[in-house]
Amino acid sequence: MSGNLEEGVRHDVVRHRYELDVDGGLAVAEYYESDGARVFTHTEVPGQSEGRGVAAKLVRAALDDTRRAGFKIVPACSYVVAFLARHPEYRTP
Protein backbone atom coordinates (compact mmCIF):
# COMPACT_ATOMS: atom_id res chain seq x y z
CA MET A 1 0.00 0.00 0.00
CA SER A 2 1.20 3.50 -0.76
CA GLY A 3 0.78 6.40 1.61
CA ASN A 4 -0.68 9.81 0.78
CA LEU A 5 -3.54 8.48 -1.35
CA GLU A 6 -6.87 10.26 -1.51
CA GLU A 7 -9.25 9.11 1.20
CA GLY A 8 -10.46 5.57 0.67
CA VAL A 9 -8.20 4.80 -2.30
CA ARG A 10 -5.65 2.06 -1.80
CA HIS A 11 -2.86 0.70 -3.96
CA ASP A 12 -2.75 -3.07 -4.35
CA VAL A 13 0.84 -3.48 -5.51
CA VAL A 14 0.53 -7.25 -5.97
CA ARG A 15 -2.50 -6.97 -8.28
CA HIS A 16 -1.18 -3.83 -10.02
CA ARG A 17 -4.25 -1.76 -9.39
CA TYR A 18 -5.74 1.06 -7.36
CA GLU A 19 -8.99 0.30 -5.55
CA LEU A 20 -11.85 2.17 -3.96
CA ASP A 21 -14.81 0.61 -2.13
CA VAL A 22 -18.05 2.12 -3.43
CA ASP A 23 -21.77 1.40 -3.54
CA GLY A 24 -22.18 -1.78 -5.53
CA GLY A 25 -18.66 -3.14 -5.05
CA LEU A 26 -15.13 -2.19 -5.93
CA ALA A 27 -13.88 0.45 -8.37
CA VAL A 28 -10.47 -0.32 -9.89
CA ALA A 29 -7.82 1.31 -12.05
CA GLU A 30 -5.48 -1.38 -13.36
CA TYR A 31 -1.97 -0.94 -14.75
CA TYR A 32 1.27 -2.69 -15.58
CA GLU A 33 4.80 -1.35 -15.29
CA SER A 34 7.17 -1.12 -18.25
CA ASP A 35 10.38 0.87 -18.79
CA GLY A 36 9.81 3.35 -15.98
CA ALA A 37 6.13 3.84 -16.79
CA ARG A 38 2.81 2.71 -15.42
CA VAL A 39 0.56 1.82 -18.31
CA PHE A 40 -3.07 2.22 -17.21
CA THR A 41 -5.09 -0.44 -19.01
CA HIS A 42 -8.54 -0.56 -17.43
CA THR A 43 -10.78 1.50 -15.18
CA GLU A 44 -14.04 0.09 -13.88
CA VAL A 45 -16.74 1.46 -11.59
CA PRO A 46 -19.77 -0.60 -10.50
CA GLY A 47 -22.96 0.54 -12.24
CA GLN A 48 -24.56 1.80 -9.02
CA SER A 49 -21.72 4.30 -8.57
CA GLU A 50 -21.36 5.54 -12.15
CA GLY A 51 -21.77 9.27 -12.72
CA ARG A 52 -20.75 10.22 -9.18
CA GLY A 53 -17.12 11.15 -9.82
CA VAL A 54 -15.79 7.83 -8.52
CA ALA A 55 -13.60 7.12 -11.54
CA ALA A 56 -12.16 10.64 -11.45
CA LYS A 57 -11.32 10.33 -7.74
CA LEU A 58 -9.72 6.94 -8.28
CA VAL A 59 -7.73 7.91 -11.36
CA ARG A 60 -6.59 11.22 -9.85
CA ALA A 61 -5.23 9.35 -6.79
CA ALA A 62 -3.59 6.71 -9.00
CA LEU A 63 -1.92 9.30 -11.22
CA ASP A 64 -0.76 11.40 -8.26
CA ASP A 65 0.74 8.31 -6.64
CA THR A 66 2.35 7.25 -9.93
CA ARG A 67 4.04 10.62 -10.32
CA ARG A 68 5.21 10.63 -6.68
CA ALA A 69 6.76 7.19 -7.27
CA GLY A 70 8.69 8.57 -10.26
CA PHE A 71 6.87 6.69 -13.01
CA LYS A 72 5.69 8.14 -16.30
CA ILE A 73 1.96 7.89 -16.99
CA VAL A 74 0.88 6.01 -20.10
CA PRO A 75 -2.85 5.89 -20.83
CA ALA A 76 -4.04 2.71 -22.55
CA CYS A 77 -7.56 2.87 -21.10
CA SER A 78 -10.23 5.06 -22.68
CA TYR A 79 -11.19 6.60 -19.34
CA VAL A 80 -7.61 7.58 -18.50
CA VAL A 81 -7.17 9.00 -22.02
CA ALA A 82 -10.29 11.16 -21.51
CA PHE A 83 -9.17 12.17 -17.99
CA LEU A 84 -5.80 13.33 -19.32
CA ALA A 85 -7.54 15.32 -22.07
CA ARG A 86 -9.52 17.16 -19.36
CA HIS A 87 -6.53 17.49 -17.01
CA PRO A 88 -3.40 18.32 -19.03
CA GLU A 89 -1.39 18.85 -15.83
CA TYR A 90 -1.13 15.05 -15.59
CA ARG A 91 0.36 14.54 -19.04
CA THR A 92 3.95 13.35 -19.15
CA PRO A 93 6.18 15.40 -21.45
PDB file of N, CA and C in Angstrom:
ATOM      1  N   MET A   1       0.839  -1.196   0.000  1.00  0.00           N
ATOM      2  CA  MET A   1       0.000   0.000   0.000  1.00  0.00           C
ATOM      3  C   MET A   1       0.872   1.244   0.000  1.00  0.00           C
ATOM      4  N   SER A   2       0.472   2.239  -0.731  1.00  0.00           N
ATOM      5  CA  SER A   2       1.197   3.504  -0.758  1.00  0.00           C
ATOM      6  C   SER A   2       0.537   4.483   0.184  1.00  0.00           C
ATOM      7  N   GLY A   3       1.331   5.359   0.762  1.00  0.00           N
ATOM      8  CA  GLY A   3       0.780   6.404   1.612  1.00  0.00           C
ATOM      9  C   GLY A   3       0.336   7.584   0.774  1.00  0.00           C
ATOM     10  N   ASN A   4      -0.293   8.547   1.416  1.00  0.00           N
ATOM     11  CA  ASN A   4      -0.679   9.807   0.784  1.00  0.00           C
ATOM     12  C   ASN A   4      -1.708   9.679  -0.332  1.00  0.00           C
ATOM     13  N   LEU A   5      -2.485   8.618  -0.338  1.00  0.00           N
ATOM     14  CA  LEU A   5      -3.539   8.484  -1.348  1.00  0.00           C
ATOM     15  C   LEU A   5      -4.790   9.205  -0.877  1.00  0.00           C
ATOM     16  N   GLU A   6      -5.599   9.622  -1.829  1.00  0.00           N
ATOM     17  CA  GLU A   6      -6.871  10.261  -1.512  1.00  0.00           C
ATOM     18  C   GLU A   6      -7.698   9.320  -0.638  1.00  0.00           C
ATOM     19  N   GLU A   7      -8.486   9.893   0.232  1.00  0.00           N
ATOM     20  CA  GLU A   7      -9.250   9.113   1.200  1.00  0.00           C
ATOM     21  C   GLU A   7      -9.995   7.944   0.561  1.00  0.00           C
ATOM     22  N   GLY A   8      -9.765   6.764   1.108  1.00  0.00           N
ATOM     23  CA  GLY A   8     -10.463   5.566   0.670  1.00  0.00           C
ATOM     24  C   GLY A   8      -9.775   4.812  -0.454  1.00  0.00           C
ATOM     25  N   VAL A   9      -8.888   5.458  -1.181  1.00  0.00           N
ATOM     26  CA  VAL A   9      -8.202   4.800  -2.296  1.00  0.00           C
ATOM     27  C   VAL A   9      -6.996   4.054  -1.742  1.00  0.00           C
ATOM     28  N   ARG A  10      -6.822   2.833  -2.211  1.00  0.00           N
ATOM     29  CA  ARG A  10      -5.654   2.060  -1.797  1.00  0.00           C
ATOM     30  C   ARG A  10      -4.956   1.487  -3.037  1.00  0.00           C
ATOM     31  N   HIS A  11      -3.677   1.236  -2.878  1.00  0.00           N
ATOM     32  CA  HIS A  11      -2.859   0.698  -3.960  1.00  0.00           C
ATOM     33  C   HIS A  11      -2.558  -0.762  -3.655  1.00  0.00           C
ATOM     34  N   ASP A  12      -3.049  -1.651  -4.481  1.00  0.00           N
ATOM     35  CA  ASP A  12      -2.753  -3.072  -4.353  1.00  0.00           C
ATOM     36  C   ASP A  12      -1.581  -3.359  -5.293  1.00  0.00           C
ATOM     37  N   VAL A  13      -0.384  -3.333  -4.722  1.00  0.00           N
ATOM     38  CA  VAL A  13       0.841  -3.482  -5.509  1.00  0.00           C
ATOM     39  C   VAL A  13       0.910  -4.860  -6.162  1.00  0.00           C
ATOM     40  N   VAL A  14       0.468  -5.880  -5.453  1.00  0.00           N
ATOM     41  CA  VAL A  14       0.531  -7.249  -5.968  1.00  0.00           C
ATOM     42  C   VAL A  14      -0.363  -7.415  -7.201  1.00  0.00           C
ATOM     43  N   ARG A  15      -1.555  -6.839  -7.155  1.00  0.00           N
ATOM     44  CA  ARG A  15      -2.503  -6.969  -8.279  1.00  0.00           C
ATOM     45  C   ARG A  15      -2.342  -5.863  -9.318  1.00  0.00           C
ATOM     46  N   HIS A  16      -1.418  -4.943  -9.092  1.00  0.00           N
ATOM     47  CA  HIS A  16      -1.176  -3.827 -10.019  1.00  0.00           C
ATOM     48  C   HIS A  16      -2.454  -3.045 -10.294  1.00  0.00           C
ATOM     49  N   ARG A  17      -3.049  -2.557  -9.213  1.00  0.00           N
ATOM     50  CA  ARG A  17      -4.254  -1.762  -9.392  1.00  0.00           C
ATOM     51  C   ARG A  17      -4.493  -0.872  -8.182  1.00  0.00           C
ATOM     52  N   TYR A  18      -5.255   0.177  -8.420  1.00  0.00           N
ATOM     53  CA  TYR A  18      -5.740   1.055  -7.363  1.00  0.00           C
ATOM     54  C   TYR A  18      -7.199   0.703  -7.151  1.00  0.00           C
ATOM     55  N   GLU A  19      -7.648   0.746  -5.896  1.00  0.00           N
ATOM     56  CA  GLU A  19      -8.991   0.298  -5.546  1.00  0.00           C
ATOM     57  C   GLU A  19      -9.702   1.321  -4.676  1.00  0.00           C
ATOM     58  N   LEU A  20     -11.008   1.307  -4.783  1.00  0.00           N
ATOM     59  CA  LEU A  20     -11.853   2.166  -3.955  1.00  0.00           C
ATOM     60  C   LEU A  20     -13.169   1.435  -3.726  1.00  0.00           C
ATOM     61  N   ASP A  21     -13.515   1.216  -2.457  1.00  0.00           N
ATOM     62  CA  ASP A  21     -14.805   0.605  -2.129  1.00  0.00           C
ATOM     63  C   ASP A  21     -15.908   1.632  -2.356  1.00  0.00           C
ATOM     64  N   VAL A  22     -16.937   1.230  -3.100  1.00  0.00           N
ATOM     65  CA  VAL A  22     -18.055   2.123  -3.431  1.00  0.00           C
ATOM     66  C   VAL A  22     -19.363   1.348  -3.363  1.00  0.00           C
ATOM     67  N   ASP A  23     -20.475   2.070  -3.465  1.00  0.00           N
ATOM     68  CA  ASP A  23     -21.772   1.399  -3.542  1.00  0.00           C
ATOM     69  C   ASP A  23     -21.745   0.431  -4.713  1.00  0.00           C
ATOM     70  N   GLY A  24     -22.116  -0.788  -4.466  1.00  0.00           N
ATOM     71  CA  GLY A  24     -22.178  -1.778  -5.535  1.00  0.00           C
ATOM     72  C   GLY A  24     -20.914  -2.598  -5.701  1.00  0.00           C
ATOM     73  N   GLY A  25     -19.857  -2.304  -4.925  1.00  0.00           N
ATOM     74  CA  GLY A  25     -18.663  -3.137  -5.046  1.00  0.00           C
ATOM     75  C   GLY A  25     -17.355  -2.369  -4.995  1.00  0.00           C
ATOM     76  N   LEU A  26     -16.491  -2.698  -5.925  1.00  0.00           N
ATOM     77  CA  LEU A  26     -15.130  -2.189  -5.934  1.00  0.00           C
ATOM     78  C   LEU A  26     -14.839  -1.491  -7.253  1.00  0.00           C
ATOM     79  N   ALA A  27     -14.354  -0.256  -7.175  1.00  0.00           N
ATOM     80  CA  ALA A  27     -13.881   0.455  -8.366  1.00  0.00           C
ATOM     81  C   ALA A  27     -12.385   0.193  -8.473  1.00  0.00           C
ATOM     82  N   VAL A  28     -11.889  -0.022  -9.701  1.00  0.00           N
ATOM     83  CA  VAL A  28     -10.471  -0.324  -9.891  1.00  0.00           C
ATOM     84  C   VAL A  28      -9.900   0.450 -11.077  1.00  0.00           C
ATOM     85  N   ALA A  29      -8.610   0.759 -10.948  1.00  0.00           N
ATOM     86  CA  ALA A  29      -7.819   1.307 -12.050  1.00  0.00           C
ATOM     87  C   ALA A  29      -6.592   0.405 -12.143  1.00  0.00           C
ATOM     88  N   GLU A  30      -6.523  -0.381 -13.206  1.00  0.00           N
ATOM     89  CA  GLU A  30      -5.477  -1.382 -13.362  1.00  0.00           C
ATOM     90  C   GLU A  30      -4.347  -0.856 -14.243  1.00  0.00           C
ATOM     91  N   TYR A  31      -3.146  -1.367 -13.993  1.00  0.00           N
ATOM     92  CA  TYR A  31      -1.971  -0.940 -14.750  1.00  0.00           C
ATOM     93  C   TYR A  31      -0.943  -2.060 -14.789  1.00  0.00           C
ATOM     94  N   TYR A  32       0.057  -1.880 -15.651  1.00  0.00           N
ATOM     95  CA  TYR A  32       1.272  -2.692 -15.580  1.00  0.00           C
ATOM     96  C   TYR A  32       2.449  -1.743 -15.706  1.00  0.00           C
ATOM     97  N   GLU A  33       3.601  -2.174 -15.246  1.00  0.00           N
ATOM     98  CA  GLU A  33       4.799  -1.345 -15.294  1.00  0.00           C
ATOM     99  C   GLU A  33       5.706  -1.803 -16.423  1.00  0.00           C
ATOM    100  N   SER A  34       6.279  -0.826 -17.139  1.00  0.00           N
ATOM    101  CA  SER A  34       7.174  -1.117 -18.245  1.00  0.00           C
ATOM    102  C   SER A  34       8.094   0.071 -18.489  1.00  0.00           C
ATOM    103  N   ASP A  35       9.379  -0.160 -18.461  1.00  0.00           N
ATOM    104  CA  ASP A  35      10.380   0.868 -18.791  1.00  0.00           C
ATOM    105  C   ASP A  35      10.153   2.186 -18.062  1.00  0.00           C
ATOM    106  N   GLY A  36       9.958   2.137 -16.764  1.00  0.00           N
ATOM    107  CA  GLY A  36       9.807   3.353 -15.976  1.00  0.00           C
ATOM    108  C   GLY A  36       8.453   4.024 -16.104  1.00  0.00           C
ATOM    109  N   ALA A  37       7.481   3.287 -16.620  1.00  0.00           N
ATOM    110  CA  ALA A  37       6.130   3.837 -16.793  1.00  0.00           C
ATOM    111  C   ALA A  37       5.106   2.903 -16.175  1.00  0.00           C
ATOM    112  N   ARG A  38       3.997   3.485 -15.770  1.00  0.00           N
ATOM    113  CA  ARG A  38       2.810   2.712 -15.424  1.00  0.00           C
ATOM    114  C   ARG A  38       1.833   2.917 -16.562  1.00  0.00           C
ATOM    115  N   VAL A  39       1.481   1.816 -17.178  1.00  0.00           N
ATOM    116  CA  VAL A  39       0.558   1.823 -18.307  1.00  0.00           C
ATOM    117  C   VAL A  39      -0.818   1.459 -17.753  1.00  0.00           C
ATOM    118  N   PHE A  40      -1.729   2.436 -17.748  1.00  0.00           N
ATOM    119  CA  PHE A  40      -3.073   2.219 -17.207  1.00  0.00           C
ATOM    120  C   PHE A  40      -3.937   1.593 -18.288  1.00  0.00           C
ATOM    121  N   THR A  41      -4.421   0.379 -18.002  1.00  0.00           N
ATOM    122  CA  THR A  41      -5.090  -0.444 -19.011  1.00  0.00           C
ATOM    123  C   THR A  41      -6.600  -0.551 -18.854  1.00  0.00           C
ATOM    124  N   HIS A  42      -7.106  -0.319 -17.638  1.00  0.00           N
ATOM    125  CA  HIS A  42      -8.539  -0.560 -17.429  1.00  0.00           C
ATOM    126  C   HIS A  42      -9.006   0.187 -16.188  1.00  0.00           C
ATOM    127  N   THR A  43     -10.134   0.863 -16.314  1.00  0.00           N
ATOM    128  CA  THR A  43     -10.782   1.504 -15.178  1.00  0.00           C
ATOM    129  C   THR A  43     -12.222   1.020 -15.163  1.00  0.00           C
ATOM    130  N   GLU A  44     -12.679   0.603 -13.986  1.00  0.00           N
ATOM    131  CA  GLU A  44     -14.043   0.087 -13.885  1.00  0.00           C
ATOM    132  C   GLU A  44     -14.695   0.564 -12.594  1.00  0.00           C
ATOM    133  N   VAL A  45     -15.938   1.009 -12.723  1.00  0.00           N
ATOM    134  CA  VAL A  45     -16.740   1.457 -11.585  1.00  0.00           C
ATOM    135  C   VAL A  45     -18.053   0.682 -11.624  1.00  0.00           C
ATOM    136  N   PRO A  46     -18.486   0.100 -10.504  1.00  0.00           N
ATOM    137  CA  PRO A  46     -19.774  -0.601 -10.497  1.00  0.00           C
ATOM    138  C   PRO A  46     -20.899   0.327 -10.964  1.00  0.00           C
ATOM    139  N   GLY A  47     -21.860  -0.234 -11.676  1.00  0.00           N
ATOM    140  CA  GLY A  47     -22.957   0.544 -12.244  1.00  0.00           C
ATOM    141  C   GLY A  47     -23.675   1.450 -11.258  1.00  0.00           C
ATOM    142  N   GLN A  48     -23.858   0.997 -10.022  1.00  0.00           N
ATOM    143  CA  GLN A  48     -24.560   1.796  -9.018  1.00  0.00           C
ATOM    144  C   GLN A  48     -23.821   3.090  -8.676  1.00  0.00           C
ATOM    145  N   SER A  49     -22.520   3.126  -8.941  1.00  0.00           N
ATOM    146  CA  SER A  49     -21.718   4.297  -8.566  1.00  0.00           C
ATOM    147  C   SER A  49     -21.291   5.137  -9.763  1.00  0.00           C
ATOM    148  N   GLU A  50     -21.716   4.763 -10.962  1.00  0.00           N
ATOM    149  CA  GLU A  50     -21.364   5.543 -12.148  1.00  0.00           C
ATOM    150  C   GLU A  50     -21.973   6.936 -12.080  1.00  0.00           C
ATOM    151  N   GLY A  51     -21.264   7.903 -12.646  1.00  0.00           N
ATOM    152  CA  GLY A  51     -21.774   9.268 -12.715  1.00  0.00           C
ATOM    153  C   GLY A  51     -21.648  10.057 -11.429  1.00  0.00           C
ATOM    154  N   ARG A  52     -20.904   9.547 -10.476  1.00  0.00           N
ATOM    155  CA  ARG A  52     -20.748  10.216  -9.176  1.00  0.00           C
ATOM    156  C   ARG A  52     -19.321  10.711  -8.937  1.00  0.00           C
ATOM    157  N   GLY A  53     -18.493  10.680  -9.958  1.00  0.00           N
ATOM    158  CA  GLY A  53     -17.120  11.150  -9.816  1.00  0.00           C
ATOM    159  C   GLY A  53     -16.167  10.126  -9.226  1.00  0.00           C
ATOM    160  N   VAL A  54     -16.620   8.882  -9.116  1.00  0.00           N
ATOM    161  CA  VAL A  54     -15.791   7.831  -8.520  1.00  0.00           C
ATOM    162  C   VAL A  54     -14.553   7.565  -9.373  1.00  0.00           C
ATOM    163  N   ALA A  55     -14.731   7.403 -10.666  1.00  0.00           N
ATOM    164  CA  ALA A  55     -13.596   7.117 -11.543  1.00  0.00           C
ATOM    165  C   ALA A  55     -12.589   8.255 -11.509  1.00  0.00           C
ATOM    166  N   ALA A  56     -13.071   9.488 -11.500  1.00  0.00           N
ATOM    167  CA  ALA A  56     -12.159  10.639 -11.450  1.00  0.00           C
ATOM    168  C   ALA A  56     -11.359  10.643 -10.153  1.00  0.00           C
ATOM    169  N   LYS A  57     -12.015  10.371  -9.033  1.00  0.00           N
ATOM    170  CA  LYS A  57     -11.320  10.331  -7.740  1.00  0.00           C
ATOM    171  C   LYS A  57     -10.253   9.239  -7.745  1.00  0.00           C
ATOM    172  N   LEU A  58     -10.618   8.076  -8.241  1.00  0.00           N
ATOM    173  CA  LEU A  58      -9.719   6.937  -8.279  1.00  0.00           C
ATOM    174  C   LEU A  58      -8.523   7.202  -9.191  1.00  0.00           C
ATOM    175  N   VAL A  59      -8.795   7.671 -10.392  1.00  0.00           N
ATOM    176  CA  VAL A  59      -7.727   7.912 -11.355  1.00  0.00           C
ATOM    177  C   VAL A  59      -6.831   9.064 -10.905  1.00  0.00           C
ATOM    178  N   ARG A  60      -7.409  10.111 -10.361  1.00  0.00           N
ATOM    179  CA  ARG A  60      -6.591  11.221  -9.852  1.00  0.00           C
ATOM    180  C   ARG A  60      -5.611  10.713  -8.779  1.00  0.00           C
ATOM    181  N   ALA A  61      -6.099   9.901  -7.839  1.00  0.00           N
ATOM    182  CA  ALA A  61      -5.234   9.354  -6.793  1.00  0.00           C
ATOM    183  C   ALA A  61      -4.161   8.451  -7.391  1.00  0.00           C
ATOM    184  N   ALA A  62      -4.548   7.623  -8.357  1.00  0.00           N
ATOM    185  CA  ALA A  62      -3.592   6.715  -8.996  1.00  0.00           C
ATOM    186  C   ALA A  62      -2.506   7.493  -9.738  1.00  0.00           C
ATOM    187  N   LEU A  63      -2.897   8.522 -10.464  1.00  0.00           N
ATOM    188  CA  LEU A  63      -1.916   9.300 -11.221  1.00  0.00           C
ATOM    189  C   LEU A  63      -1.019  10.111 -10.299  1.00  0.00           C
ATOM    190  N   ASP A  64      -1.579  10.678  -9.237  1.00  0.00           N
ATOM    191  CA  ASP A  64      -0.761  11.403  -8.259  1.00  0.00           C
ATOM    192  C   ASP A  64       0.278  10.464  -7.642  1.00  0.00           C
ATOM    193  N   ASP A  65      -0.157   9.275  -7.250  1.00  0.00           N
ATOM    194  CA  ASP A  65       0.742   8.308  -6.638  1.00  0.00           C
ATOM    195  C   ASP A  65       1.808   7.851  -7.637  1.00  0.00           C
ATOM    196  N   THR A  66       1.416   7.666  -8.874  1.00  0.00           N
ATOM    197  CA  THR A  66       2.346   7.250  -9.927  1.00  0.00           C
ATOM    198  C   THR A  66       3.436   8.293 -10.124  1.00  0.00           C
ATOM    199  N   ARG A  67       3.052   9.552 -10.166  1.00  0.00           N
ATOM    200  CA  ARG A  67       4.043  10.623 -10.319  1.00  0.00           C
ATOM    201  C   ARG A  67       4.962  10.704  -9.108  1.00  0.00           C
ATOM    202  N   ARG A  68       4.385  10.596  -7.902  1.00  0.00           N
ATOM    203  CA  ARG A  68       5.211  10.627  -6.682  1.00  0.00           C
ATOM    204  C   ARG A  68       6.229   9.494  -6.677  1.00  0.00           C
ATOM    205  N   ALA A  69       5.867   8.358  -7.231  1.00  0.00           N
ATOM    206  CA  ALA A  69       6.760   7.194  -7.266  1.00  0.00           C
ATOM    207  C   ALA A  69       7.797   7.308  -8.390  1.00  0.00           C
ATOM    208  N   GLY A  70       7.697   8.340  -9.215  1.00  0.00           N
ATOM    209  CA  GLY A  70       8.692   8.570 -10.258  1.00  0.00           C
ATOM    210  C   GLY A  70       8.432   7.868 -11.574  1.00  0.00           C
ATOM    211  N   PHE A  71       7.223   7.356 -11.758  1.00  0.00           N
ATOM    212  CA  PHE A  71       6.874   6.687 -13.011  1.00  0.00           C
ATOM    213  C   PHE A  71       6.248   7.675 -13.989  1.00  0.00           C
ATOM    214  N   LYS A  72       6.435   7.414 -15.271  1.00  0.00           N
ATOM    215  CA  LYS A  72       5.691   8.138 -16.303  1.00  0.00           C
ATOM    216  C   LYS A  72       4.294   7.539 -16.360  1.00  0.00           C
ATOM    217  N   ILE A  73       3.352   8.325 -16.847  1.00  0.00           N
ATOM    218  CA  ILE A  73       1.965   7.891 -16.986  1.00  0.00           C
ATOM    219  C   ILE A  73       1.696   7.596 -18.453  1.00  0.00           C
ATOM    220  N   VAL A  74       1.232   6.388 -18.733  1.00  0.00           N
ATOM    221  CA  VAL A  74       0.884   6.010 -20.102  1.00  0.00           C
ATOM    222  C   VAL A  74      -0.571   5.549 -20.098  1.00  0.00           C
ATOM    223  N   PRO A  75      -1.444   6.286 -20.788  1.00  0.00           N
ATOM    224  CA  PRO A  75      -2.854   5.891 -20.834  1.00  0.00           C
ATOM    225  C   PRO A  75      -3.120   4.869 -21.949  1.00  0.00           C
ATOM    226  N   ALA A  76      -3.642   3.712 -21.562  1.00  0.00           N
ATOM    227  CA  ALA A  76      -4.044   2.713 -22.549  1.00  0.00           C
ATOM    228  C   ALA A  76      -5.513   2.350 -22.337  1.00  0.00           C
ATOM    229  N   CYS A  77      -6.155   3.071 -21.457  1.00  0.00           N
ATOM    230  CA  CYS A  77      -7.558   2.872 -21.097  1.00  0.00           C
ATOM    231  C   CYS A  77      -8.318   4.105 -21.562  1.00  0.00           C
ATOM    232  N   SER A  78      -9.484   3.925 -22.146  1.00  0.00           N
ATOM    233  CA  SER A  78     -10.232   5.061 -22.682  1.00  0.00           C
ATOM    234  C   SER A  78     -10.581   6.089 -21.613  1.00  0.00           C
ATOM    235  N   TYR A  79     -10.856   5.637 -20.389  1.00  0.00           N
ATOM    236  CA  TYR A  79     -11.193   6.603 -19.343  1.00  0.00           C
ATOM    237  C   TYR A  79      -9.974   7.446 -18.988  1.00  0.00           C
ATOM    238  N   VAL A  80      -8.817   6.822 -18.848  1.00  0.00           N
ATOM    239  CA  VAL A  80      -7.606   7.576 -18.501  1.00  0.00           C
ATOM    240  C   VAL A  80      -7.229   8.522 -19.634  1.00  0.00           C
ATOM    241  N   VAL A  81      -7.410   8.110 -20.878  1.00  0.00           N
ATOM    242  CA  VAL A  81      -7.169   8.999 -22.025  1.00  0.00           C
ATOM    243  C   VAL A  81      -8.058  10.233 -21.906  1.00  0.00           C
ATOM    244  N   ALA A  82      -9.344  10.039 -21.634  1.00  0.00           N
ATOM    245  CA  ALA A  82     -10.289  11.158 -21.507  1.00  0.00           C
ATOM    246  C   ALA A  82      -9.945  12.023 -20.297  1.00  0.00           C
ATOM    247  N   PHE A  83      -9.545  11.415 -19.189  1.00  0.00           N
ATOM    248  CA  PHE A  83      -9.170  12.167 -17.993  1.00  0.00           C
ATOM    249  C   PHE A  83      -7.983  13.071 -18.299  1.00  0.00           C
ATOM    250  N   LEU A  84      -6.981  12.530 -18.980  1.00  0.00           N
ATOM    251  CA  LEU A  84      -5.802  13.328 -19.319  1.00  0.00           C
ATOM    252  C   LEU A  84      -6.148  14.464 -20.280  1.00  0.00           C
ATOM    253  N   ALA A  85      -7.110  14.250 -21.162  1.00  0.00           N
ATOM    254  CA  ALA A  85      -7.542  15.315 -22.066  1.00  0.00           C
ATOM    255  C   ALA A  85      -8.173  16.464 -21.283  1.00  0.00           C
ATOM    256  N   ARG A  86      -8.881  16.137 -20.207  1.00  0.00           N
ATOM    257  CA  ARG A  86      -9.523  17.159 -19.363  1.00  0.00           C
ATOM    258  C   ARG A  86      -8.570  17.759 -18.335  1.00  0.00           C
ATOM    259  N   HIS A  87      -7.480  17.062 -18.044  1.00  0.00           N
ATOM    260  CA  HIS A  87      -6.530  17.493 -17.007  1.00  0.00           C
ATOM    261  C   HIS A  87      -5.101  17.428 -17.552  1.00  0.00           C
ATOM    262  N   PRO A  88      -4.725  18.370 -18.385  1.00  0.00           N
ATOM    263  CA  PRO A  88      -3.405  18.317 -19.030  1.00  0.00           C
ATOM    264  C   PRO A  88      -2.236  18.367 -18.042  1.00  0.00           C
ATOM    265  N   GLU A  89      -2.476  18.806 -16.814  1.00  0.00           N
ATOM    266  CA  GLU A  89      -1.391  18.848 -15.832  1.00  0.00           C
ATOM    267  C   GLU A  89      -0.846  17.465 -15.497  1.00  0.00           C
ATOM    268  N   TYR A  90      -1.582  16.408 -15.854  1.00  0.00           N
ATOM    269  CA  TYR A  90      -1.128  15.048 -15.594  1.00  0.00           C
ATOM    270  C   TYR A  90      -0.355  14.434 -16.756  1.00  0.00           C
ATOM    271  N   ARG A  91      -0.335  15.091 -17.887  1.00  0.00           N
ATOM    272  CA  ARG A  91       0.356  14.538 -19.045  1.00  0.00           C
ATOM    273  C   ARG A  91       1.849  14.533 -18.805  1.00  0.00           C
ATOM    274  N   THR A  92       2.502  13.457 -19.257  1.00  0.00           N
ATOM    275  CA  THR A  92       3.949  13.347 -19.148  1.00  0.00           C
ATOM    276  C   THR A  92       4.558  13.940 -20.415  1.00  0.00           C
ATOM    277  N   PRO A  93       5.542  14.814 -20.243  1.00  0.00           N
ATOM    278  CA  PRO A  93       6.179  15.403 -21.445  1.00  0.00           C
ATOM    279  C   PRO A  93       6.878  14.389 -22.288  1.00  0.00           C
TER     280      PRO A  93
END
